[in-house]
Protein backbone atom coordinates (compact mmCIF):
# COMPACT_ATOMS: atom_id res chain seq x y z
CA UNK A 1 -78.32 122.93 -108.08
CA UNK A 2 -76.09 121.73 -105.30
CA UNK A 3 -72.45 121.34 -106.00
CA UNK A 4 -70.51 118.33 -104.88
CA UNK A 5 -66.98 118.29 -103.70
CA UNK A 6 -64.92 115.91 -105.74
CA UNK A 7 -63.50 113.09 -103.68
CA UNK A 8 -59.77 112.89 -103.24
CA UNK A 9 -58.33 109.77 -104.78
CA UNK A 10 -56.80 107.46 -102.21
CA UNK A 11 -53.13 106.96 -102.92
CA UNK A 12 -52.13 103.36 -103.13
CA UNK A 13 -48.64 102.25 -102.19
CA UNK A 14 -46.38 101.76 -105.15
CA UNK A 15 -45.89 98.08 -105.71
CA UNK A 16 -42.37 96.79 -105.86
CA UNK A 17 -41.70 94.58 -108.85
CA UNK A 18 -39.13 92.16 -107.53
CA UNK A 19 -38.19 90.93 -110.98
CA UNK A 20 -36.88 94.40 -111.86
CA UNK A 21 -34.64 94.71 -108.79
CA UNK A 22 -31.01 93.64 -108.96
CA UNK A 23 -29.85 90.75 -106.84
CA UNK A 24 -26.55 89.62 -105.39
CA UNK A 25 -25.34 86.09 -104.76
CA UNK A 26 -24.22 85.08 -101.28
CA UNK A 27 -22.45 81.72 -100.95
CA UNK A 28 -22.64 80.61 -97.34
CA UNK A 29 -20.84 77.94 -95.31
CA UNK A 30 -18.51 75.10 -96.18
CA UNK A 31 -21.28 73.43 -98.19
CA UNK A 32 -21.56 76.64 -100.25
CA UNK A 33 -25.29 77.15 -99.88
CA UNK A 34 -26.35 79.86 -102.34
CA UNK A 35 -28.72 82.71 -101.55
CA UNK A 36 -30.01 85.16 -104.15
CA UNK A 37 -30.93 88.34 -102.30
CA UNK A 38 -32.33 91.61 -103.62
CA UNK A 39 -29.85 94.45 -103.29
CA UNK A 40 -32.42 96.95 -102.08
CA UNK A 41 -33.42 94.86 -99.09
CA UNK A 42 -29.90 93.76 -98.21
CA UNK A 43 -28.26 97.18 -98.53
CA UNK A 44 -30.98 98.93 -96.55
CA UNK A 45 -30.49 96.53 -93.64
CA UNK A 46 -26.72 96.08 -93.74
CA UNK A 47 -24.17 98.85 -94.25
CA UNK A 48 -21.49 96.15 -94.31
CA UNK A 49 -22.92 94.42 -97.38
CA UNK A 50 -23.69 97.77 -98.99
CA UNK A 51 -20.09 98.89 -98.62
CA UNK A 52 -18.70 95.58 -99.88
CA UNK A 53 -20.80 95.56 -103.05
CA UNK A 54 -20.12 99.22 -103.78
CA UNK A 55 -16.36 99.02 -103.41
CA UNK A 56 -13.47 98.39 -105.77
CA UNK A 57 -13.21 94.78 -104.64
CA UNK A 58 -14.10 91.73 -106.69
CA UNK A 59 -17.48 91.35 -104.96
CA UNK A 60 -18.64 94.60 -106.50
CA UNK A 61 -17.97 93.57 -110.10
CA UNK A 62 -19.08 89.94 -109.74
CA UNK A 63 -22.10 90.75 -107.50
CA UNK A 64 -21.13 87.68 -105.51
CA UNK A 65 -19.66 87.16 -102.04
CA UNK A 66 -18.37 84.03 -100.33
CA UNK A 67 -19.14 83.70 -96.61
CA UNK A 68 -17.56 80.37 -95.60
CA UNK A 69 -17.63 81.07 -91.85
CA UNK A 70 -21.38 81.66 -91.62
CA UNK A 71 -23.96 78.99 -90.85
CA UNK A 72 -26.48 78.52 -93.71
CA UNK A 73 -29.38 77.78 -91.35
CA UNK A 74 -28.85 80.97 -89.34
CA UNK A 75 -28.16 82.93 -92.51
CA UNK A 76 -31.48 81.70 -93.90
CA UNK A 77 -33.24 83.16 -90.86
CA UNK A 78 -31.53 86.46 -91.59
CA UNK A 79 -32.73 86.40 -95.21
CA UNK A 80 -36.27 85.56 -94.10
CA UNK A 81 -36.19 88.56 -91.79
CA UNK A 82 -35.00 90.82 -94.64
CA UNK A 83 -38.29 90.26 -96.44
CA UNK A 84 -40.72 89.78 -93.55
CA UNK A 85 -39.13 91.82 -90.74
CA UNK A 86 -40.32 89.09 -88.41
CA UNK A 87 -38.66 86.46 -86.31
CA UNK A 88 -40.39 84.02 -83.97
CA UNK A 89 -38.59 82.31 -81.14
CA UNK A 90 -39.30 78.64 -80.53
CA UNK A 91 -42.20 78.10 -78.16
CA UNK A 92 -41.62 76.69 -74.65
CA UNK A 93 -42.18 72.98 -74.18
CA UNK A 94 -42.25 72.74 -70.40
CA UNK A 95 -38.91 70.95 -70.43
CA UNK A 96 -36.45 73.18 -68.55
CA UNK A 97 -33.37 72.14 -70.52
CA UNK A 98 -35.07 72.55 -73.90
CA UNK A 99 -36.61 75.84 -72.86
CA UNK A 100 -33.15 77.14 -71.92
CA UNK A 101 -31.51 76.01 -75.16
CA UNK A 102 -34.23 77.53 -77.38
CA UNK A 103 -32.52 80.88 -76.87
CA UNK A 104 -29.38 79.74 -78.69
CA UNK A 105 -30.92 80.18 -82.15
CA UNK A 106 -31.92 83.84 -81.69
CA UNK A 107 -28.57 84.50 -80.02
CA UNK A 108 -26.72 83.11 -83.03
CA UNK A 109 -28.92 85.22 -85.29
CA UNK A 110 -28.13 88.26 -83.15
CA UNK A 111 -24.38 87.61 -83.48
CA UNK A 112 -24.77 87.32 -87.26
CA UNK A 113 -26.74 90.57 -87.36
CA UNK A 114 -24.05 92.27 -85.30
CA UNK A 115 -21.37 91.02 -87.70
CA UNK A 116 -23.10 92.70 -90.63
CA UNK A 117 -24.21 95.85 -88.81
CA UNK A 118 -27.92 95.01 -89.00
CA UNK A 119 -29.16 97.24 -86.20
CA UNK A 120 -32.87 96.72 -86.89
CA UNK A 121 -32.55 92.94 -86.75
CA UNK A 122 -30.59 93.16 -83.50
CA UNK A 123 -33.34 95.30 -82.01
CA UNK A 124 -35.99 92.86 -83.21
CA UNK A 125 -34.24 89.92 -81.56
CA UNK A 126 -33.60 91.81 -78.33
CA UNK A 127 -37.28 92.75 -78.16
CA UNK A 128 -38.41 89.16 -78.69
CA UNK A 129 -36.05 87.84 -76.02
CA UNK A 130 -37.13 90.62 -73.65
CA UNK A 131 -40.83 89.82 -74.08
CA UNK A 132 -40.16 86.11 -73.65
CA UNK A 133 -38.34 86.78 -70.37
CA UNK A 134 -40.98 89.05 -68.84
CA UNK A 135 -41.80 88.16 -65.20
CA UNK A 136 -43.53 84.81 -65.16
CA UNK A 137 -41.37 83.46 -67.98
CA UNK A 138 -38.29 82.88 -65.86
CA UNK A 139 -36.73 79.97 -67.77
CA UNK A 140 -34.03 82.08 -69.32
CA UNK A 141 -31.14 81.33 -71.65
CA UNK A 142 -28.71 78.62 -70.68
CA UNK A 143 -25.24 79.54 -69.46
CA UNK A 144 -23.90 78.13 -72.75
CA UNK A 145 -26.08 80.61 -74.64
CA UNK A 146 -24.89 83.48 -72.47
CA UNK A 147 -21.27 82.40 -72.92
CA UNK A 148 -21.77 82.35 -76.70
CA UNK A 149 -23.12 85.90 -76.61
CA UNK A 150 -20.29 87.18 -74.44
CA UNK A 151 -17.69 85.57 -76.70
CA UNK A 152 -19.13 87.02 -79.90
CA UNK A 153 -20.56 90.50 -79.29
CA UNK A 154 -18.86 93.73 -78.17
CA UNK A 155 -18.71 94.70 -74.52
CA UNK A 156 -21.09 97.60 -75.16
CA UNK A 157 -23.73 95.40 -76.81
CA UNK A 158 -27.28 95.82 -75.59
CA UNK A 159 -27.85 92.07 -75.47
CA UNK A 160 -25.12 91.70 -72.84
CA UNK A 161 -26.85 94.27 -70.68
CA UNK A 162 -30.17 92.48 -71.15
CA UNK A 163 -28.67 89.16 -70.03
CA UNK A 164 -26.96 90.72 -67.00
CA UNK A 165 -30.17 92.50 -65.98
CA UNK A 166 -32.02 89.21 -66.30
CA UNK A 167 -29.76 87.47 -63.80
CA UNK A 168 -29.61 90.50 -61.51
CA UNK A 169 -33.31 91.35 -61.38
CA UNK A 170 -35.45 88.60 -62.84
CA UNK A 171 -33.94 85.34 -61.56
CA UNK A 172 -34.87 83.87 -58.20
CA UNK A 173 -32.09 84.60 -55.72
CA UNK A 174 -32.05 80.93 -54.75
CA UNK A 175 -30.11 80.37 -57.98
CA UNK A 176 -27.12 82.13 -56.44
CA UNK A 177 -27.17 79.65 -53.55
CA UNK A 178 -27.16 76.66 -55.87
CA UNK A 179 -23.96 74.60 -56.27
CA UNK A 180 -23.65 75.57 -59.96
CA UNK A 181 -23.74 79.35 -59.51
CA UNK A 182 -20.29 80.03 -58.05
CA UNK A 183 -18.23 77.91 -60.49
CA UNK A 184 -20.18 79.29 -63.46
CA UNK A 185 -19.68 82.90 -62.42
CA UNK A 186 -15.99 82.20 -61.83
CA UNK A 187 -15.76 80.70 -65.29
CA UNK A 188 -17.37 83.76 -66.90
CA UNK A 189 -16.01 86.75 -64.92
CA UNK A 190 -17.24 89.37 -67.43
CA UNK A 191 -20.79 88.14 -66.97
CA UNK A 192 -20.38 88.16 -63.18
CA UNK A 193 -19.09 91.73 -63.31
CA UNK A 194 -22.02 92.85 -65.46
CA UNK A 195 -24.46 91.28 -62.98
CA UNK A 196 -22.89 93.26 -60.12
CA UNK A 197 -23.12 96.48 -62.14
CA UNK A 198 -26.75 95.70 -62.92
CA UNK A 199 -27.51 95.23 -59.22
CA UNK A 200 -25.95 98.64 -58.57
CA UNK A 201 -28.01 100.32 -61.31
CA UNK A 202 -31.34 98.91 -60.26
CA UNK A 203 -31.11 98.74 -56.45
CA UNK A 204 -32.37 101.52 -54.21
CA UNK A 205 -33.81 101.84 -50.69
CA UNK A 206 -37.13 100.75 -52.09
CA UNK A 207 -35.61 97.52 -53.38
CA UNK A 208 -34.73 96.30 -56.85
CA UNK A 209 -36.38 97.96 -59.82
CA UNK A 210 -37.00 95.17 -62.31
CA UNK A 211 -36.43 96.45 -65.88
CA UNK A 212 -38.51 93.56 -67.20
CA UNK A 213 -41.66 95.08 -65.66
CA UNK A 214 -42.44 97.55 -68.41
CA UNK A 215 -41.36 98.47 -71.90
CA UNK A 216 -38.00 97.30 -73.14
CA UNK A 217 -35.23 99.76 -72.21
CA UNK A 218 -33.60 101.55 -75.13
CA UNK A 219 -30.21 100.34 -73.90
CA UNK A 220 -31.08 96.79 -74.95
CA UNK A 221 -31.43 97.88 -78.59
CA UNK A 222 -27.85 99.12 -78.90
């Protein structure tokens, strides 16, 4: 009689019962919009929140934190990402001005993620912006969006390098001859300096190596 090898049971992922997981209350903006967020998700994504709720401060005992300076709409996008790990940028409309300004929302979300040390969310946003700006999709962020980023993220931030590389390697050089280029670059000297450094990094005898023709550089995730 032939013997049969018993089949190995297939392990199924352990389901997370959300009702059994502790939550914290985050009160956001001047209108005091309230968010109930599961600790496990929040603490895994943000070392800043984890430290605040595990300290000797009032937030730890009350399990509540007031965030009056944050925007509830952008904060809501952050909470959505906590549970889905997805973020979708607005689709292009064909209108140049609108297509430029659609980058402001992800940039504001990036700044919020940077504030709370959410490295994974920052990388997610950088990757989405990078893919959106691949060659052929040359309607990039508006100068106002770039200025917002430069005013609100550290000098070493990957998103600053991404924006500088965009204007150094992926924007038609005719832009630099336009009447708006010189006054804008004079107004934002840090951005102008980063563009020059980007030219130096990517230019060789063979020409300019466009970092947008390939996988996203690791430097953009920092």
